Amino acid sequence: MNLGLVSAPLLARSLRNKNLSIPLALACGLACLALLYLALLPPGTDPWWRTIGIFVLGCGTGLLNLGIFRAITPLYRHDAAATVNLAGALFGAAA
């Protein structure tokens, strides 16, 4: 998963444009596809097949993190303290 998180910027570099909906939708699709793939693997399969699914999950997660941070950057530059407080409140509400 860590290798997928590290390789996500390479994938994001190829998707660099002003529209954030494409990378965010791709990230959610990759994560969903990886979780579905991992759920459908039978218990006795080779661990390398699971490693492929976890790598794709890491790519989706890393791409989603990059997209979200890119989306909140203008708000953070405008008012950093309010952005951190809002992020903390949303994190607490989701937890």
PDB file of N, CA and C in Angstrom:
ATOM      1  N   MET A   1       0.834  -1.187   0.000  1.00  0.00           N
ATOM      2  CA  MET A   1       0.000   0.000   0.000  1.00  0.00           C
ATOM      3  C   MET A   1       0.880   1.253   0.000  1.00  0.00           C
ATOM      4  N   ASN A   2       1.981   1.184   0.734  1.00  0.00           N
ATOM      5  CA  ASN A   2       2.885   2.337   0.753  1.00  0.00           C
ATOM      6  C   ASN A   2       3.466   2.618  -0.622  1.00  0.00           C
ATOM      7  N   LEU A   3       3.772   1.579  -1.366  1.00  0.00           N
ATOM      8  CA  LEU A   3       4.286   1.775  -2.720  1.00  0.00           C
ATOM      9  C   LEU A   3       3.234   2.430  -3.613  1.00  0.00           C
ATOM     10  N   GLY A   4       1.976   2.083  -3.416  1.00  0.00           N
ATOM     11  CA  GLY A   4       0.900   2.724  -4.162  1.00  0.00           C
ATOM     12  C   GLY A   4       0.735   4.180  -3.788  1.00  0.00           C
ATOM     13  N   LEU A   5       0.867   4.490  -2.485  1.00  0.00           N
ATOM     14  CA  LEU A   5       0.779   5.882  -2.049  1.00  0.00           C
ATOM     15  C   LEU A   5       1.919   6.722  -2.616  1.00  0.00           C
ATOM     16  N   VAL A   6       3.100   6.124  -2.691  1.00  0.00           N
ATOM     17  CA  VAL A   6       4.258   6.845  -3.217  1.00  0.00           C
ATOM     18  C   VAL A   6       4.164   7.025  -4.728  1.00  0.00           C
ATOM     19  N   SER A   7       3.583   6.056  -5.423  1.00  0.00           N
ATOM     20  CA  SER A   7       3.501   6.149  -6.884  1.00  0.00           C
ATOM     21  C   SER A   7       2.294   6.964  -7.351  1.00  0.00           C
ATOM     22  N   ALA A   8       1.414   7.349  -6.453  1.00  0.00           N
ATOM     23  CA  ALA A   8       0.241   8.135  -6.841  1.00  0.00           C
ATOM     24  C   ALA A   8       0.594   9.494  -7.459  1.00  0.00           C
ATOM     25  N   PRO A   9       1.626  10.207  -6.990  1.00  0.00           N
ATOM     26  CA  PRO A   9       1.967  11.474  -7.665  1.00  0.00           C
ATOM     27  C   PRO A   9       2.347  11.306  -9.127  1.00  0.00           C
ATOM     28  N   LEU A  10       2.930  10.167  -9.488  1.00  0.00           N
ATOM     29  CA  LEU A  10       3.244   9.932 -10.904  1.00  0.00           C
ATOM     30  C   LEU A  10       1.962   9.829 -11.726  1.00  0.00           C
ATOM     31  N   LEU A  11       0.958   9.180 -11.160  1.00  0.00           N
ATOM     32  CA  LEU A  11      -0.335   9.088 -11.828  1.00  0.00           C
ATOM     33  C   LEU A  11      -1.019  10.450 -11.866  1.00  0.00           C
ATOM     34  N   ALA A  12      -0.889  11.206 -10.793  1.00  0.00           N
ATOM     35  CA  ALA A  12      -1.516  12.534 -10.738  1.00  0.00           C
ATOM     36  C   ALA A  12      -0.858  13.501 -11.710  1.00  0.00           C
ATOM     37  N   ARG A  13       0.429  13.342 -11.929  1.00  0.00           N
ATOM     38  CA  ARG A  13       1.139  14.234 -12.859  1.00  0.00           C
ATOM     39  C   ARG A  13       0.587  14.095 -14.276  1.00  0.00           C
ATOM     40  N   SER A  14       0.186  12.877 -14.644  1.00  0.00           N
ATOM     41  CA  SER A  14      -0.368  12.676 -15.980  1.00  0.00           C
ATOM     42  C   SER A  14      -1.797  13.203 -16.086  1.00  0.00           C
ATOM     43  N   LEU A  15      -2.471  13.412 -14.941  1.00  0.00           N
ATOM     44  CA  LEU A  15      -3.848  13.909 -14.946  1.00  0.00           C
ATOM     45  C   LEU A  15      -3.931  15.382 -14.585  1.00  0.00           C
ATOM     46  N   ARG A  16      -2.834  16.102 -14.649  1.00  0.00           N
ATOM     47  CA  ARG A  16      -2.804  17.494 -14.214  1.00  0.00           C
ATOM     48  C   ARG A  16      -3.599  18.377 -15.176  1.00  0.00           C
ATOM     49  N   ASN A  17      -4.661  18.919 -14.657  1.00  0.00           N
ATOM     50  CA  ASN A  17      -5.462  19.906 -15.392  1.00  0.00           C
ATOM     51  C   ASN A  17      -6.236  20.725 -14.370  1.00  0.00           C
ATOM     52  N   LYS A  18      -7.000  21.676 -14.816  1.00  0.00           N
ATOM     53  CA  LYS A  18      -7.739  22.540 -13.903  1.00  0.00           C
ATOM     54  C   LYS A  18      -8.959  21.849 -13.303  1.00  0.00           C
ATOM     55  N   ASN A  19      -9.495  20.862 -13.987  1.00  0.00           N
ATOM     56  CA  ASN A  19     -10.697  20.184 -13.531  1.00  0.00           C
ATOM     57  C   ASN A  19     -10.314  19.099 -12.523  1.00  0.00           C
ATOM     58  N   LEU A  20     -10.786  19.218 -11.291  1.00  0.00           N
ATOM     59  CA  LEU A  20     -10.462  18.255 -10.249  1.00  0.00           C
ATOM     60  C   LEU A  20     -11.372  17.041 -10.241  1.00  0.00           C
ATOM     61  N   SER A  21     -12.470  17.091 -10.968  1.00  0.00           N
ATOM     62  CA  SER A  21     -13.422  15.989 -10.891  1.00  0.00           C
ATOM     63  C   SER A  21     -12.879  14.701 -11.515  1.00  0.00           C
ATOM     64  N   ILE A  22     -12.042  14.811 -12.534  1.00  0.00           N
ATOM     65  CA  ILE A  22     -11.514  13.606 -13.184  1.00  0.00           C
ATOM     66  C   ILE A  22     -10.557  12.841 -12.264  1.00  0.00           C
ATOM     67  N   PRO A  23      -9.546  13.481 -11.656  1.00  0.00           N
ATOM     68  CA  PRO A  23      -8.677  12.714 -10.751  1.00  0.00           C
ATOM     69  C   PRO A  23      -9.407  12.195  -9.513  1.00  0.00           C
ATOM     70  N   LEU A  24     -10.346  12.974  -8.981  1.00  0.00           N
ATOM     71  CA  LEU A  24     -11.075  12.517  -7.797  1.00  0.00           C
ATOM     72  C   LEU A  24     -11.984  11.339  -8.127  1.00  0.00           C
ATOM     73  N   ALA A  25     -12.639  11.382  -9.268  1.00  0.00           N
ATOM     74  CA  ALA A  25     -13.487  10.261  -9.670  1.00  0.00           C
ATOM     75  C   ALA A  25     -12.641   9.025  -9.971  1.00  0.00           C
ATOM     76  N   LEU A  26     -11.489   9.214 -10.599  1.00  0.00           N
ATOM     77  CA  LEU A  26     -10.594   8.091 -10.866  1.00  0.00           C
ATOM     78  C   LEU A  26     -10.080   7.486  -9.562  1.00  0.00           C
ATOM     79  N   ALA A  27      -9.753   8.329  -8.593  1.00  0.00           N
ATOM     80  CA  ALA A  27      -9.273   7.836  -7.309  1.00  0.00           C
ATOM     81  C   ALA A  27     -10.335   7.015  -6.593  1.00  0.00           C
ATOM     82  N   CYS A  28     -11.562   7.505  -6.569  1.00  0.00           N
ATOM     83  CA  CYS A  28     -12.641   6.756  -5.930  1.00  0.00           C
ATOM     84  C   CYS A  28     -12.924   5.460  -6.683  1.00  0.00           C
ATOM     85  N   GLY A  29     -12.862   5.498  -7.999  1.00  0.00           N
ATOM     86  CA  GLY A  29     -13.073   4.294  -8.793  1.00  0.00           C
ATOM     87  C   GLY A  29     -11.983   3.254  -8.559  1.00  0.00           C
ATOM     88  N   LEU A  30     -10.718   3.711  -8.488  1.00  0.00           N
ATOM     89  CA  LEU A  30      -9.611   2.785  -8.222  1.00  0.00           C
ATOM     90  C   LEU A  30      -9.744   2.145  -6.846  1.00  0.00           C
ATOM     91  N   ALA A  31     -10.071   2.947  -5.848  1.00  0.00           N
ATOM     92  CA  ALA A  31     -10.221   2.406  -4.499  1.00  0.00           C
ATOM     93  C   ALA A  31     -11.387   1.424  -4.434  1.00  0.00           C
ATOM     94  N   CYS A  32     -12.485   1.743  -5.081  1.00  0.00           N
ATOM     95  CA  CYS A  32     -13.648   0.855  -5.091  1.00  0.00           C
ATOM     96  C   CYS A  32     -13.330  -0.438  -5.830  1.00  0.00           C
ATOM     97  N   LEU A  33     -12.660  -0.317  -6.952  1.00  0.00           N
ATOM     98  CA  LEU A  33     -12.282  -1.496  -7.727  1.00  0.00           C
ATOM     99  C   LEU A  33     -11.326  -2.396  -6.939  1.00  0.00           C
ATOM    100  N   ALA A  34     -10.372  -1.781  -6.234  1.00  0.00           N
ATOM    101  CA  ALA A  34      -9.416  -2.569  -5.454  1.00  0.00           C
ATOM    102  C   ALA A  34     -10.111  -3.276  -4.290  1.00  0.00           C
ATOM    103  N   LEU A  35     -11.029  -2.596  -3.612  1.00  0.00           N
ATOM    104  CA  LEU A  35     -11.745  -3.242  -2.510  1.00  0.00           C
ATOM    105  C   LEU A  35     -12.633  -4.374  -3.016  1.00  0.00           C
ATOM    106  N   LEU A  36     -13.264  -4.173  -4.156  1.00  0.00           N
ATOM    107  CA  LEU A  36     -14.085  -5.231  -4.739  1.00  0.00           C
ATOM    108  C   LEU A  36     -13.215  -6.416  -5.152  1.00  0.00           C
ATOM    109  N   TYR A  37     -12.070  -6.146  -5.739  1.00  0.00           N
ATOM    110  CA  TYR A  37     -11.129  -7.189  -6.138  1.00  0.00           C
ATOM    111  C   TYR A  37     -10.674  -7.993  -4.917  1.00  0.00           C
ATOM    112  N   LEU A  38     -10.332  -7.289  -3.835  1.00  0.00           N
ATOM    113  CA  LEU A  38      -9.891  -7.981  -2.628  1.00  0.00           C
ATOM    114  C   LEU A  38     -11.011  -8.783  -1.990  1.00  0.00           C
ATOM    115  N   ALA A  39     -12.233  -8.296  -2.085  1.00  0.00           N
ATOM    116  CA  ALA A  39     -13.363  -9.017  -1.500  1.00  0.00           C
ATOM    117  C   ALA A  39     -13.687 -10.281  -2.292  1.00  0.00           C
ATOM    118  N   LEU A  40     -13.434 -10.271  -3.582  1.00  0.00           N
ATOM    119  CA  LEU A  40     -13.774 -11.420  -4.417  1.00  0.00           C
ATOM    120  C   LEU A  40     -12.674 -12.491  -4.470  1.00  0.00           C
ATOM    121  N   LEU A  41     -11.504 -12.204  -3.931  1.00  0.00           N
ATOM    122  CA  LEU A  41     -10.441 -13.210  -3.921  1.00  0.00           C
ATOM    123  C   LEU A  41     -10.792 -14.319  -2.931  1.00  0.00           C
ATOM    124  N   PRO A  42     -10.653 -15.569  -3.344  1.00  0.00           N
ATOM    125  CA  PRO A  42     -10.903 -16.667  -2.396  1.00  0.00           C
ATOM    126  C   PRO A  42      -9.813 -16.719  -1.318  1.00  0.00           C
ATOM    127  N   PRO A  43     -10.108 -17.290  -0.165  1.00  0.00           N
ATOM    128  CA  PRO A  43      -9.140 -17.293   0.942  1.00  0.00           C
ATOM    129  C   PRO A  43      -7.822 -18.008   0.655  1.00  0.00           C
ATOM    130  N   GLY A  44      -7.795 -18.987  -0.207  1.00  0.00           N
ATOM    131  CA  GLY A  44      -6.574 -19.752  -0.430  1.00  0.00           C
ATOM    132  C   GLY A  44      -5.681 -19.246  -1.540  1.00  0.00           C
ATOM    133  N   THR A  45      -5.909 -18.069  -2.047  1.00  0.00           N
ATOM    134  CA  THR A  45      -5.102 -17.575  -3.171  1.00  0.00           C
ATOM    135  C   THR A  45      -3.706 -17.179  -2.717  1.00  0.00           C
ATOM    136  N   ASP A  46      -2.827 -17.069  -3.669  1.00  0.00           N
ATOM    137  CA  ASP A  46      -1.450 -16.671  -3.419  1.00  0.00           C
ATOM    138  C   ASP A  46      -1.420 -15.236  -2.882  1.00  0.00           C
ATOM    139  N   PRO A  47      -0.569 -14.960  -1.895  1.00  0.00           N
ATOM    140  CA  PRO A  47      -0.513 -13.594  -1.337  1.00  0.00           C
ATOM    141  C   PRO A  47      -0.134 -12.518  -2.359  1.00  0.00           C
ATOM    142  N   TRP A  48       0.537 -12.888  -3.436  1.00  0.00           N
ATOM    143  CA  TRP A  48       0.905 -11.886  -4.447  1.00  0.00           C
ATOM    144  C   TRP A  48      -0.323 -11.321  -5.150  1.00  0.00           C
ATOM    145  N   TRP A  49      -1.383 -12.106  -5.265  1.00  0.00           N
ATOM    146  CA  TRP A  49      -2.615 -11.575  -5.863  1.00  0.00           C
ATOM    147  C   TRP A  49      -3.232 -10.526  -4.950  1.00  0.00           C
ATOM    148  N   ARG A  50      -3.144 -10.739  -3.645  1.00  0.00           N
ATOM    149  CA  ARG A  50      -3.632  -9.728  -2.703  1.00  0.00           C
ATOM    150  C   ARG A  50      -2.762  -8.476  -2.741  1.00  0.00           C
ATOM    151  N   THR A  51      -1.458  -8.679  -2.955  1.00  0.00           N
ATOM    152  CA  THR A  51      -0.533  -7.550  -3.023  1.00  0.00           C
ATOM    153  C   THR A  51      -0.889  -6.624  -4.183  1.00  0.00           C
ATOM    154  N   ILE A  52      -1.311  -7.188  -5.284  1.00  0.00           N
ATOM    155  CA  ILE A  52      -1.726  -6.373  -6.433  1.00  0.00           C
ATOM    156  C   ILE A  52      -2.930  -5.520  -6.054  1.00  0.00           C
ATOM    157  N   GLY A  53      -3.907  -6.106  -5.385  1.00  0.00           N
ATOM    158  CA  GLY A  53      -5.089  -5.354  -4.957  1.00  0.00           C
ATOM    159  C   GLY A  53      -4.756  -4.262  -3.961  1.00  0.00           C
ATOM    160  N   ILE A  54      -3.843  -4.563  -3.048  1.00  0.00           N
ATOM    161  CA  ILE A  54      -3.453  -3.560  -2.059  1.00  0.00           C
ATOM    162  C   ILE A  54      -2.664  -2.435  -2.711  1.00  0.00           C
ATOM    163  N   PHE A  55      -1.852  -2.752  -3.719  1.00  0.00           N
ATOM    164  CA  PHE A  55      -1.132  -1.710  -4.452  1.00  0.00           C
ATOM    165  C   PHE A  55      -2.106  -0.769  -5.169  1.00  0.00           C
ATOM    166  N   VAL A  56      -3.122  -1.331  -5.817  1.00  0.00           N
ATOM    167  CA  VAL A  56      -4.117  -0.501  -6.510  1.00  0.00           C
ATOM    168  C   VAL A  56      -4.892   0.336  -5.493  1.00  0.00           C
ATOM    169  N   LEU A  57      -5.185  -0.243  -4.330  1.00  0.00           N
ATOM    170  CA  LEU A  57      -5.854   0.509  -3.272  1.00  0.00           C
ATOM    171  C   LEU A  57      -4.988   1.672  -2.797  1.00  0.00           C
ATOM    172  N   GLY A  58      -3.683   1.450  -2.670  1.00  0.00           N
ATOM    173  CA  GLY A  58      -2.769   2.524  -2.299  1.00  0.00           C
ATOM    174  C   GLY A  58      -2.703   3.617  -3.352  1.00  0.00           C
ATOM    175  N   CYS A  59      -2.733   3.232  -4.634  1.00  0.00           N
ATOM    176  CA  CYS A  59      -2.752   4.241  -5.712  1.00  0.00           C
ATOM    177  C   CYS A  59      -4.013   5.090  -5.641  1.00  0.00           C
ATOM    178  N   GLY A  60      -5.147   4.442  -5.420  1.00  0.00           N
ATOM    179  CA  GLY A  60      -6.401   5.191  -5.309  1.00  0.00           C
ATOM    180  C   GLY A  60      -6.416   6.109  -4.100  1.00  0.00           C
ATOM    181  N   THR A  61      -5.899   5.624  -2.979  1.00  0.00           N
ATOM    182  CA  THR A  61      -5.861   6.436  -1.765  1.00  0.00           C
ATOM    183  C   THR A  61      -4.921   7.622  -1.925  1.00  0.00           C
ATOM    184  N   GLY A  62      -3.756   7.384  -2.491  1.00  0.00           N
ATOM    185  CA  GLY A  62      -2.806   8.481  -2.703  1.00  0.00           C
ATOM    186  C   GLY A  62      -3.326   9.520  -3.672  1.00  0.00           C
ATOM    187  N   LEU A  63      -3.981   9.083  -4.721  1.00  0.00           N
ATOM    188  CA  LEU A  63      -4.564  10.014  -5.687  1.00  0.00           C
ATOM    189  C   LEU A  63      -5.692  10.812  -5.051  1.00  0.00           C
ATOM    190  N   LEU A  64      -6.476  10.182  -4.198  1.00  0.00           N
ATOM    191  CA  LEU A  64      -7.551  10.883  -3.498  1.00  0.00           C
ATOM    192  C   LEU A  64      -6.984  11.918  -2.529  1.00  0.00           C
ATOM    193  N   ASN A  65      -5.924  11.569  -1.811  1.00  0.00           N
ATOM    194  CA  ASN A  65      -5.287  12.539  -0.913  1.00  0.00           C
ATOM    195  C   ASN A  65      -4.746  13.738  -1.685  1.00  0.00           C
ATOM    196  N   LEU A  66      -4.074  13.479  -2.790  1.00  0.00           N
ATOM    197  CA  LEU A  66      -3.546  14.585  -3.593  1.00  0.00           C
ATOM    198  C   LEU A  66      -4.663  15.479  -4.122  1.00  0.00           C
ATOM    199  N   GLY A  67      -5.743  14.870  -4.586  1.00  0.00           N
ATOM    200  CA  GLY A  67      -6.860  15.649  -5.116  1.00  0.00           C
ATOM    201  C   GLY A  67      -7.544  16.486  -4.057  1.00  0.00           C
ATOM    202  N   ILE A  68      -7.722  15.924  -2.883  1.00  0.00           N
ATOM    203  CA  ILE A  68      -8.381  16.668  -1.804  1.00  0.00           C
ATOM    204  C   ILE A  68      -7.502  17.822  -1.339  1.00  0.00           C
ATOM    205  N   PHE A  69      -6.208  17.573  -1.175  1.00  0.00           N
ATOM    206  CA  PHE A  69      -5.319  18.662  -0.762  1.00  0.00           C
ATOM    207  C   PHE A  69      -5.226  19.743  -1.829  1.00  0.00           C
ATOM    208  N   ARG A  70      -5.277  19.352  -3.088  1.00  0.00           N
ATOM    209  CA  ARG A  70      -5.270  20.350  -4.166  1.00  0.00           C
ATOM    210  C   ARG A  70      -6.562  21.154  -4.174  1.00  0.00           C
ATOM    211  N   ALA A  71      -7.660  20.509  -3.776  1.00  0.00           N
ATOM    212  CA  ALA A  71      -8.943  21.201  -3.763  1.00  0.00           C
ATOM    213  C   ALA A  71      -9.050  22.207  -2.617  1.00  0.00           C
ATOM    214  N   ILE A  72      -8.432  21.908  -1.465  1.00  0.00           N
ATOM    215  CA  ILE A  72      -8.572  22.825  -0.329  1.00  0.00           C
ATOM    216  C   ILE A  72      -7.447  23.852  -0.244  1.00  0.00           C
ATOM    217  N   THR A  73      -6.479  23.797  -1.145  1.00  0.00           N
ATOM    218  CA  THR A  73      -5.361  24.744  -1.103  1.00  0.00           C
ATOM    219  C   THR A  73      -5.805  26.206  -1.178  1.00  0.00           C
ATOM    220  N   PRO A  74      -6.736  26.594  -2.065  1.00  0.00           N
ATOM    221  CA  PRO A  74      -7.141  28.005  -2.072  1.00  0.00           C
ATOM    222  C   PRO A  74      -7.797  28.448  -0.764  1.00  0.00           C
ATOM    223  N   LEU A  75      -8.583  27.578  -0.154  1.00  0.00           N
ATOM    224  CA  LEU A  75      -9.211  27.910   1.122  1.00  0.00           C
ATOM    225  C   LEU A  75      -8.155  28.031   2.219  1.00  0.00           C
ATOM    226  N   TYR A  76      -7.155  27.164   2.204  1.00  0.00           N
ATOM    227  CA  TYR A  76      -6.083  27.204   3.197  1.00  0.00           C
ATOM    228  C   TYR A  76      -5.265  28.480   3.053  1.00  0.00           C
ATOM    229  N   ARG A  77      -5.016  28.912   1.833  1.00  0.00           N
ATOM    230  CA  ARG A  77      -4.255  30.156   1.628  1.00  0.00           C
ATOM    231  C   ARG A  77      -5.047  31.369   2.081  1.00  0.00           C
ATOM    232  N   HIS A  78      -6.364  31.281   1.988  1.00  0.00           N
ATOM    233  CA  HIS A  78      -7.209  32.405   2.406  1.00  0.00           C
ATOM    234  C   HIS A  78      -7.267  32.509   3.926  1.00  0.00           C
ATOM    235  N   ASP A  79      -7.522  31.402   4.614  1.00  0.00           N
ATOM    236  CA  ASP A  79      -7.622  31.407   6.070  1.00  0.00           C
ATOM    237  C   ASP A  79      -7.202  30.031   6.599  1.00  0.00           C
ATOM    238  N   ALA A  80      -5.955  29.948   7.003  1.00  0.00           N
ATOM    239  CA  ALA A  80      -5.398  28.652   7.400  1.00  0.00           C
ATOM    240  C   ALA A  80      -6.042  28.110   8.674  1.00  0.00           C
ATOM    241  N   ALA A  81      -6.260  28.961   9.658  1.00  0.00           N
ATOM    242  CA  ALA A  81      -6.809  28.489  10.935  1.00  0.00           C
ATOM    243  C   ALA A  81      -8.230  27.957  10.769  1.00  0.00           C
ATOM    244  N   ALA A  82      -9.037  28.648   9.996  1.00  0.00           N
ATOM    245  CA  ALA A  82     -10.414  28.189   9.776  1.00  0.00           C
ATOM    246  C   ALA A  82     -10.441  26.877   9.005  1.00  0.00           C
ATOM    247  N   THR A  83      -9.514  26.712   8.078  1.00  0.00           N
ATOM    248  CA  THR A  83      -9.458  25.463   7.309  1.00  0.00           C
ATOM    249  C   THR A  83      -9.083  24.292   8.204  1.00  0.00           C
ATOM    250  N   VAL A  84      -8.116  24.486   9.089  1.00  0.00           N
ATOM    251  CA  VAL A  84      -7.708  23.417  10.004  1.00  0.00           C
ATOM    252  C   VAL A  84      -8.834  23.096  10.981  1.00  0.00           C
ATOM    253  N   ASN A  85      -9.522  24.115  11.490  1.00  0.00           N
ATOM    254  CA  ASN A  85     -10.649  23.870  12.391  1.00  0.00           C
ATOM    255  C   ASN A  85     -11.779  23.125  11.689  1.00  0.00           C
ATOM    256  N   LEU A  86     -12.088  23.513  10.468  1.00  0.00           N
ATOM    257  CA  LEU A  86     -13.134  22.828   9.709  1.00  0.00           C
ATOM    258  C   LEU A  86     -12.746  21.387   9.415  1.00  0.00           C
ATOM    259  N   ALA A  87     -11.480  21.163   9.046  1.00  0.00           N
ATOM    260  CA  ALA A  87     -11.022  19.793   8.779  1.00  0.00           C
ATOM    261  C   ALA A  87     -11.097  18.936  10.038  1.00  0.00           C
ATOM    262  N   GLY A  88     -10.738  19.493  11.171  1.00  0.00           N
ATOM    263  CA  GLY A  88     -10.822  18.760  12.430  1.00  0.00           C
ATOM    264  C   GLY A  88     -12.261  18.434  12.806  1.00  0.00           C
ATOM    265  N   ALA A  89     -13.159  19.377  12.588  1.00  0.00           N
ATOM    266  CA  ALA A  89     -14.566  19.133  12.896  1.00  0.00           C
ATOM    267  C   ALA A  89     -15.155  18.065  11.970  1.00  0.00           C
ATOM    268  N   LEU A  90     -14.818  18.133  10.687  1.00  0.00           N
ATOM    269  CA  LEU A  90     -15.323  17.106   9.762  1.00  0.00           C
ATOM    270  C   LEU A  90     -14.721  15.735  10.052  1.00  0.00           C
ATOM    271  N   PHE A  91     -13.444  15.696  10.446  1.00  0.00           N
ATOM    272  CA  PHE A  91     -12.824  14.432  10.815  1.00  0.00           C
ATOM    273  C   PHE A  91     -13.500  13.844  12.050  1.00  0.00           C
ATOM    274  N   GLY A  92     -13.762  14.686  13.040  1.00  0.00           N
ATOM    275  CA  GLY A  92     -14.433  14.234  14.248  1.00  0.00           C
ATOM    276  C   GLY A  92     -15.853  13.763  13.982  1.00  0.00           C
ATOM    277  N   ALA A  93     -16.546  14.430  13.086  1.00  0.00           N
ATOM    278  CA  ALA A  93     -17.905  14.028  12.752  1.00  0.00           C
ATOM    279  C   ALA A  93     -17.920  12.694  11.992  1.00  0.00           C
ATOM    280  N   ALA A  94     -16.916  12.477  11.159  1.00  0.00           N
ATOM    281  CA  ALA A  94     -16.869  11.235  10.391  1.00  0.00           C
ATOM    282  C   ALA A  94     -16.417  10.064  11.257  1.00  0.00           C
ATOM    283  N   ALA A  95     -15.605  10.349  12.265  1.00  0.00           N
ATOM    284  CA  ALA A  95     -15.107   9.267  13.116  1.00  0.00           C
ATOM    285  C   ALA A  95     -16.223   8.767  14.012  1.00  0.00           C
TER     286      ALA A  95
END
